Amino acid sequence: MRDRGSIVLIDNNKVALIKRIFNGKTYYVFPGGGIEHNETPQVAAKREAFEELGLNVNVKNCLATIPYNGIQYFFLGSIVGGVFGKGTGNEYKSDRNRGSYQPVWVDINTLTKLDIRPKEIAEKVQSLSREVMHLSEKEKIVYERGTEELKLKTTVAQKLARELNHCDLEDEEKKDEIIRELFGSVGEKPSLEANFQCDLGYNIHVGDNFYAGFNCTILDMAEVQIGDNCMIGPNVGIYTAGHSLTPKDRNKSGYAIPITIGDDVWIGGSCVILAGVTIGDHSVVAAGSVVTKDVPPDTVVAGNPARVIKSI
């Protein structure tokens, strides 16, 4: 009997699996394999992800364990590098008479309709996806555009932003006073360059030593939480707001999902941070990136959509 370590990777509502064709049967398994001598289950899962998928991953919490010829450990993970489909493990050697192995992305909503082994892990992953979707819906704020109440709130914020942007450059005390009146909460020594814009202001919460460069726009129809020692480059947009994909009445309403940015985060110039995103502590978002999903702590992300390119 031999214990096994496996990785569960979810990206854009799809799950990374190995499609097996053996003895005329087609089925799917989660990437994983036997735990080598002196390996932990986590290390084995990480190694197998690279050998079978060609991906470097961070191993997170254990999703489940299943007794089967030993213990099978299934860990949630996140992609930090590599190229999907470029695995070079023994599974892909042509002289092995064990059928075919093909890395594939499978829509998470179809998991229980396929022959995925073990079945209980497929069901658990699909259930987990529903919980995450329910949480997102729970956090989503729906609002009606153009109401008198909303106009009043945005007018107050715009007046304060205009006052801030036209403040004497050397009057640090006045600038600090306006920022504290505009934002929901503010730490020590906030600094905003010219042409800052926001929706409401009071949904913005920043920690100590917050800095935002020129032309920063924060659409705070939902809360934006920013930690200590964060730096935001010029021309950055942080957008909690969005609109329906269905064209009918799209201009009459909107929704917003909170954004959270951890401590010691650096966001480069001309980046866009979209609704519902969480950026982990100490991370860097490279200039020009469009961040559509969560950024793990201690990583550098880049691109459109932004993906992890290295760990710090």
Protein backbone atom coordinates (compact mmCIF):
# COMPACT_ATOMS: atom_id res chain seq x y z
CA MET A 1 0.00 0.00 0.00
CA ARG A 2 1.22 3.50 -0.86
CA ASP A 3 -0.16 6.88 0.14
CA ARG A 4 -0.83 9.40 -2.65
CA GLY A 5 -0.84 13.18 -2.97
CA SER A 6 -3.14 14.91 -5.46
CA ILE A 7 -3.77 18.52 -6.47
CA VAL A 8 -7.13 20.21 -7.16
CA LEU A 9 -6.69 23.29 -9.38
CA ILE A 10 -9.67 25.55 -10.16
CA ASP A 11 -9.22 28.37 -12.65
CA ASN A 12 -11.95 30.41 -14.37
CA ASN A 13 -14.61 27.95 -13.21
CA LYS A 14 -12.71 24.99 -14.69
CA VAL A 15 -10.86 22.13 -13.01
CA ALA A 16 -7.55 20.62 -14.17
CA LEU A 17 -7.90 16.87 -14.71
CA ILE A 18 -6.12 14.00 -16.44
CA LYS A 19 -8.20 12.35 -19.15
CA ARG A 20 -7.42 8.62 -19.19
CA ILE A 21 -8.20 6.18 -22.00
CA PHE A 22 -7.36 2.62 -20.94
CA ASN A 23 -8.71 -0.75 -22.07
CA GLY A 24 -11.37 0.99 -24.16
CA LYS A 25 -12.68 3.09 -21.27
CA THR A 26 -12.53 6.88 -20.89
CA TYR A 27 -12.44 8.42 -17.44
CA TYR A 28 -10.85 11.34 -15.59
CA VAL A 29 -8.63 11.59 -12.51
CA PHE A 30 -7.17 14.41 -10.45
CA PRO A 31 -3.43 14.98 -11.03
CA GLY A 32 -1.49 13.07 -8.41
CA GLY A 33 0.65 10.09 -7.60
CA GLY A 34 2.49 8.09 -4.99
CA ILE A 35 4.30 9.84 -2.15
CA GLU A 36 8.05 9.22 -2.40
CA HIS A 37 10.35 8.42 0.51
CA ASN A 38 10.87 11.48 2.77
CA GLU A 39 8.13 13.44 0.94
CA THR A 40 5.18 15.04 2.67
CA PRO A 41 1.77 14.69 0.98
CA GLN A 42 1.93 18.41 0.11
CA VAL A 43 5.33 18.07 -1.57
CA ALA A 44 4.12 15.04 -3.52
CA ALA A 45 1.04 16.92 -4.75
CA LYS A 46 3.24 19.84 -5.87
CA ARG A 47 5.67 17.52 -7.69
CA GLU A 48 2.86 15.63 -9.41
CA ALA A 49 1.30 18.89 -10.62
CA PHE A 50 4.54 19.72 -12.42
CA GLU A 51 5.15 16.21 -13.76
CA GLU A 52 1.59 15.62 -14.99
CA LEU A 53 0.43 19.14 -15.90
CA GLY A 54 3.63 21.13 -16.41
CA LEU A 55 2.52 23.64 -13.74
CA ASN A 56 4.22 25.09 -10.69
CA VAL A 57 1.68 25.41 -7.91
CA ASN A 58 1.22 26.60 -4.36
CA VAL A 59 -0.35 23.92 -2.21
CA LYS A 60 -3.08 25.17 0.11
CA ASN A 61 -5.40 23.36 2.50
CA CYS A 62 -6.29 19.70 2.37
CA LEU A 63 -9.71 19.33 0.76
CA ALA A 64 -10.20 15.67 1.68
CA THR A 65 -8.51 12.37 2.45
CA ILE A 66 -9.76 9.02 1.15
CA PRO A 67 -8.58 5.59 2.28
CA TYR A 68 -7.79 3.47 -0.81
CA ASN A 69 -4.71 1.24 -0.90
CA GLY A 70 -3.31 3.67 1.64
CA ILE A 71 -4.44 7.26 2.11
CA GLN A 72 -5.14 9.62 -0.81
CA TYR A 73 -4.65 13.30 0.05
CA PHE A 74 -6.39 15.93 -2.09
CA PHE A 75 -5.10 19.50 -1.75
CA LEU A 76 -6.48 22.72 -3.16
CA GLY A 77 -3.80 24.63 -5.05
CA SER A 78 -3.12 27.76 -7.09
CA ILE A 79 -1.01 28.19 -10.23
CA VAL A 80 2.19 30.21 -9.86
CA GLY A 81 3.93 29.34 -13.15
CA GLY A 82 4.62 26.80 -15.85
CA VAL A 83 2.78 25.89 -19.06
CA PHE A 84 -0.31 23.71 -18.91
CA GLY A 85 0.00 20.48 -20.87
CA LYS A 86 3.79 20.39 -20.80
CA GLY A 87 4.22 17.70 -18.15
CA THR A 88 7.19 15.34 -18.62
CA GLY A 89 6.46 12.65 -16.05
CA ASN A 90 6.75 8.90 -16.57
CA GLU A 91 3.08 8.83 -17.53
CA TYR A 92 3.96 10.28 -20.93
CA LYS A 93 6.66 7.78 -21.87
CA SER A 94 5.62 5.89 -24.98
CA ASP A 95 6.92 2.54 -23.71
CA ARG A 96 4.42 2.41 -20.84
CA ASN A 97 1.46 0.16 -21.64
CA ARG A 98 -1.02 1.95 -19.40
CA GLY A 99 -3.20 3.82 -21.88
CA SER A 100 -3.16 7.53 -22.66
CA TYR A 101 -2.84 10.54 -20.37
CA GLN A 102 -4.14 13.95 -21.48
CA PRO A 103 -4.24 17.07 -19.26
CA VAL A 104 -7.56 18.89 -19.77
CA TRP A 105 -9.60 21.71 -18.26
CA VAL A 106 -13.15 20.61 -17.45
CA ASP A 107 -16.06 22.94 -16.70
CA ILE A 108 -16.78 22.65 -12.99
CA ASN A 109 -20.53 22.38 -13.60
CA THR A 110 -20.07 19.16 -15.60
CA LEU A 111 -17.97 17.26 -13.06
CA THR A 112 -20.73 15.00 -11.74
CA LYS A 113 -21.85 14.17 -15.29
CA LEU A 114 -18.50 12.60 -16.19
CA ASP A 115 -16.73 9.46 -14.99
CA ILE A 116 -14.35 11.22 -12.60
CA ARG A 117 -12.45 9.19 -10.04
CA PRO A 118 -12.85 9.37 -7.15
CA LYS A 119 -16.47 10.49 -7.55
CA GLU A 120 -16.72 11.90 -4.02
CA ILE A 121 -13.95 14.42 -4.71
CA ALA A 122 -15.67 15.58 -7.90
CA GLU A 123 -18.88 16.10 -5.90
CA LYS A 124 -17.00 17.96 -3.17
CA VAL A 125 -15.28 20.28 -5.68
CA GLN A 126 -18.57 21.05 -7.40
CA SER A 127 -20.22 21.74 -4.04
CA LEU A 128 -17.32 24.01 -3.08
CA SER A 129 -17.80 25.95 -6.31
CA ARG A 130 -21.47 26.51 -5.51
CA GLU A 131 -20.57 27.79 -2.03
CA VAL A 132 -18.09 30.29 -3.51
CA MET A 133 -20.65 31.45 -6.09
CA HIS A 134 -23.26 31.83 -3.34
CA LEU A 135 -20.82 33.88 -1.27
CA SER A 136 -20.13 36.16 -4.23
CA GLU A 137 -23.85 36.65 -4.78
CA LYS A 138 -24.30 37.34 -1.08
CA GLU A 139 -21.60 40.03 -1.15
CA LYS A 140 -22.96 41.60 -4.34
CA ILE A 141 -24.67 44.96 -3.92
CA VAL A 142 -27.32 45.84 -6.51
CA TYR A 143 -28.19 49.50 -6.98
CA GLU A 144 -30.39 51.64 -9.17
CA ARG A 145 -28.60 54.26 -11.24
CA GLY A 146 -29.71 57.90 -11.36
CA THR A 147 -31.76 58.04 -8.16
CA GLU A 148 -31.88 61.33 -6.25
CA GLU A 149 -30.31 59.67 -3.21
CA LEU A 150 -27.38 58.35 -5.24
CA LYS A 151 -26.93 61.69 -7.02
CA LEU A 152 -26.73 63.43 -3.64
CA LYS A 153 -24.11 61.01 -2.33
CA THR A 154 -21.94 61.17 -5.44
CA THR A 155 -22.18 64.98 -5.52
CA VAL A 156 -20.84 65.20 -1.96
CA ALA A 157 -17.92 62.94 -2.90
CA GLN A 158 -17.18 64.81 -6.13
CA LYS A 159 -17.10 68.16 -4.34
CA LEU A 160 -14.64 66.83 -1.76
CA ALA A 161 -12.51 65.24 -4.50
CA ARG A 162 -12.46 68.51 -6.43
CA GLU A 163 -11.47 70.38 -3.27
CA LEU A 164 -8.68 67.87 -2.67
CA ASN A 165 -7.42 68.09 -6.24
CA HIS A 166 -7.31 71.89 -6.12
CA CYS A 167 -5.74 72.10 -2.69
CA ASP A 168 -2.48 74.04 -2.28
CA LEU A 169 0.34 71.56 -2.91
CA GLU A 170 2.13 72.59 0.27
CA ASP A 171 -0.93 72.53 2.53
CA GLU A 172 -0.50 68.97 3.79
CA GLU A 173 -2.72 69.57 6.80
CA LYS A 174 -5.69 70.62 4.66
CA LYS A 175 -5.21 67.70 2.26
CA ASP A 176 -5.15 65.27 5.18
CA GLU A 177 -8.34 66.83 6.57
CA ILE A 178 -10.20 66.44 3.25
CA ILE A 179 -9.05 62.83 2.78
CA ARG A 180 -10.35 61.94 6.24
CA GLU A 181 -13.68 63.58 5.47
CA LEU A 182 -13.94 61.84 2.10
CA PHE A 183 -12.86 58.30 3.03
CA GLY A 184 -14.58 55.90 5.43
CA SER A 185 -11.43 55.35 7.49
CA VAL A 186 -7.81 56.44 7.12
CA GLY A 187 -4.55 55.42 8.79
CA GLU A 188 -1.46 57.56 9.34
CA LYS A 189 0.14 59.73 6.63
CA PRO A 190 -2.12 59.23 3.58
CA SER A 191 -0.91 60.76 0.31
CA LEU A 192 -2.91 61.28 -2.90
CA GLU A 193 -1.58 62.92 -6.04
CA ALA A 194 -3.69 65.19 -8.29
CA ASN A 195 -6.89 64.18 -10.08
CA PHE A 196 -8.16 61.56 -7.65
CA GLN A 197 -11.75 60.44 -8.37
CA CYS A 198 -14.26 58.18 -6.61
CA ASP A 199 -17.99 57.37 -6.45
CA LEU A 200 -18.90 57.70 -2.79
CA GLY A 201 -15.68 57.97 -0.82
CA TYR A 202 -17.07 56.60 2.42
CA ASN A 203 -16.67 53.02 1.18
CA ILE A 204 -12.89 53.49 0.89
CA HIS A 205 -10.80 52.34 3.87
CA VAL A 206 -7.00 52.70 3.81
CA GLY A 207 -4.29 51.81 6.31
CA ASP A 208 -1.11 53.63 7.28
CA ASN A 209 1.17 55.23 4.66
CA PHE A 210 -1.30 54.87 1.79
CA TYR A 211 -0.08 56.41 -1.50
CA ALA A 212 -1.99 56.87 -4.77
CA GLY A 213 -0.38 58.38 -7.87
CA PHE A 214 -1.86 60.76 -10.44
CA ASN A 215 -5.28 60.02 -11.96
CA CYS A 216 -6.30 57.30 -9.52
CA THR A 217 -9.98 56.30 -9.82
CA ILE A 218 -11.77 54.19 -7.21
CA LEU A 219 -15.36 53.24 -8.01
CA ASP A 220 -16.47 52.43 -4.49
CA MET A 221 -20.10 51.43 -4.86
CA ALA A 222 -19.01 48.56 -2.58
CA GLU A 223 -16.28 48.68 0.06
CA VAL A 224 -12.61 48.92 -0.91
CA GLN A 225 -10.30 47.80 1.92
CA ILE A 226 -6.61 48.68 1.49
CA GLY A 227 -3.98 47.68 4.04
CA ASP A 228 -0.87 49.39 5.40
CA ASN A 229 2.08 50.63 3.29
CA CYS A 230 0.34 50.24 -0.07
CA MET A 231 1.49 52.08 -3.18
CA ILE A 232 -0.70 52.68 -6.23
CA GLY A 233 0.91 53.96 -9.44
CA PRO A 234 -0.51 56.56 -11.84
CA ASN A 235 -3.65 55.96 -13.94
CA VAL A 236 -4.85 53.02 -11.84
CA GLY A 237 -8.55 52.08 -11.74
CA ILE A 238 -10.09 50.11 -8.87
CA TYR A 239 -13.62 49.19 -9.86
CA THR A 240 -16.08 47.48 -7.51
CA ALA A 241 -18.90 48.27 -9.94
CA GLY A 242 -20.21 46.32 -12.90
CA HIS A 243 -23.30 45.94 -15.08
CA SER A 244 -25.46 43.14 -16.43
CA LEU A 245 -24.31 41.34 -19.57
CA THR A 246 -27.95 41.35 -20.71
CA PRO A 247 -28.51 44.59 -22.67
CA LYS A 248 -32.11 45.17 -21.53
CA ASP A 249 -32.12 47.86 -18.78
CA ARG A 250 -28.34 47.62 -18.44
CA ASN A 251 -28.17 51.43 -18.12
CA LYS A 252 -30.74 51.49 -15.31
CA SER A 253 -28.98 49.44 -12.67
CA GLY A 254 -25.60 48.15 -11.59
CA TYR A 255 -23.97 45.87 -9.08
CA ALA A 256 -20.86 46.12 -6.93
CA ILE A 257 -18.65 43.55 -5.16
CA PRO A 258 -16.07 44.54 -2.49
CA ILE A 259 -12.34 44.64 -3.26
CA THR A 260 -9.68 43.87 -0.66
CA ILE A 261 -6.00 44.79 -0.98
CA GLY A 262 -3.61 43.54 1.71
CA ASP A 263 -0.58 45.11 3.38
CA ASP A 264 2.58 46.17 1.52
CA VAL A 265 1.04 45.81 -1.94
CA TRP A 266 2.47 47.67 -4.95
CA ILE A 267 0.14 48.24 -7.91
CA GLY A 268 1.96 49.51 -10.99
CA GLY A 269 0.80 52.26 -13.34
CA SER A 270 -2.24 51.85 -15.60
CA CYS A 271 -3.53 48.73 -13.84
CA VAL A 272 -7.22 47.83 -13.52
CA ILE A 273 -8.53 45.95 -10.47
CA LEU A 274 -12.00 44.49 -11.08
CA ALA A 275 -14.94 43.76 -8.77
CA GLY A 276 -14.61 41.08 -6.12
CA VAL A 277 -10.82 40.75 -6.29
CA THR A 278 -8.63 40.15 -3.24
CA ILE A 279 -4.91 40.97 -3.51
CA GLY A 280 -2.76 39.22 -0.92
CA ASP A 281 -0.14 40.81 1.32
CA HIS A 282 3.24 41.87 -0.15
CA SER A 283 2.18 41.23 -3.76
CA VAL A 284 3.10 43.24 -6.85
CA VAL A 285 0.80 43.92 -9.79
CA ALA A 286 2.91 44.76 -12.83
CA ALA A 287 2.13 47.90 -14.83
CA GLY A 288 -0.73 47.61 -17.31
CA SER A 289 -2.25 44.48 -15.76
CA VAL A 290 -5.98 43.74 -15.60
CA VAL A 291 -6.71 41.82 -12.41
CA THR A 292 -9.84 39.69 -12.76
CA LYS A 293 -9.30 37.15 -9.98
CA ASP A 294 -7.60 36.89 -6.59
CA VAL A 295 -3.84 37.42 -6.29
CA PRO A 296 -2.03 35.13 -3.82
CA PRO A 297 0.21 36.73 -1.16
CA ASP A 298 3.91 37.20 -1.96
CA THR A 299 3.55 36.95 -5.72
CA VAL A 300 4.05 39.08 -8.83
CA VAL A 301 1.21 39.08 -11.36
CA ALA A 302 1.17 40.54 -14.86
CA GLY A 303 -0.88 40.60 -18.05
CA ASN A 304 -4.48 40.74 -19.23
CA PRO A 305 -5.90 38.85 -17.48
CA ALA A 306 -3.21 39.01 -14.79
CA ARG A 307 -1.51 35.74 -13.92
CA VAL A 308 1.21 34.84 -11.45
CA ILE A 309 4.64 35.07 -13.06
CA LYS A 310 6.83 34.59 -9.98
CA SER A 311 6.86 34.28 -6.22
CA ILE A 312 8.55 36.86 -4.01
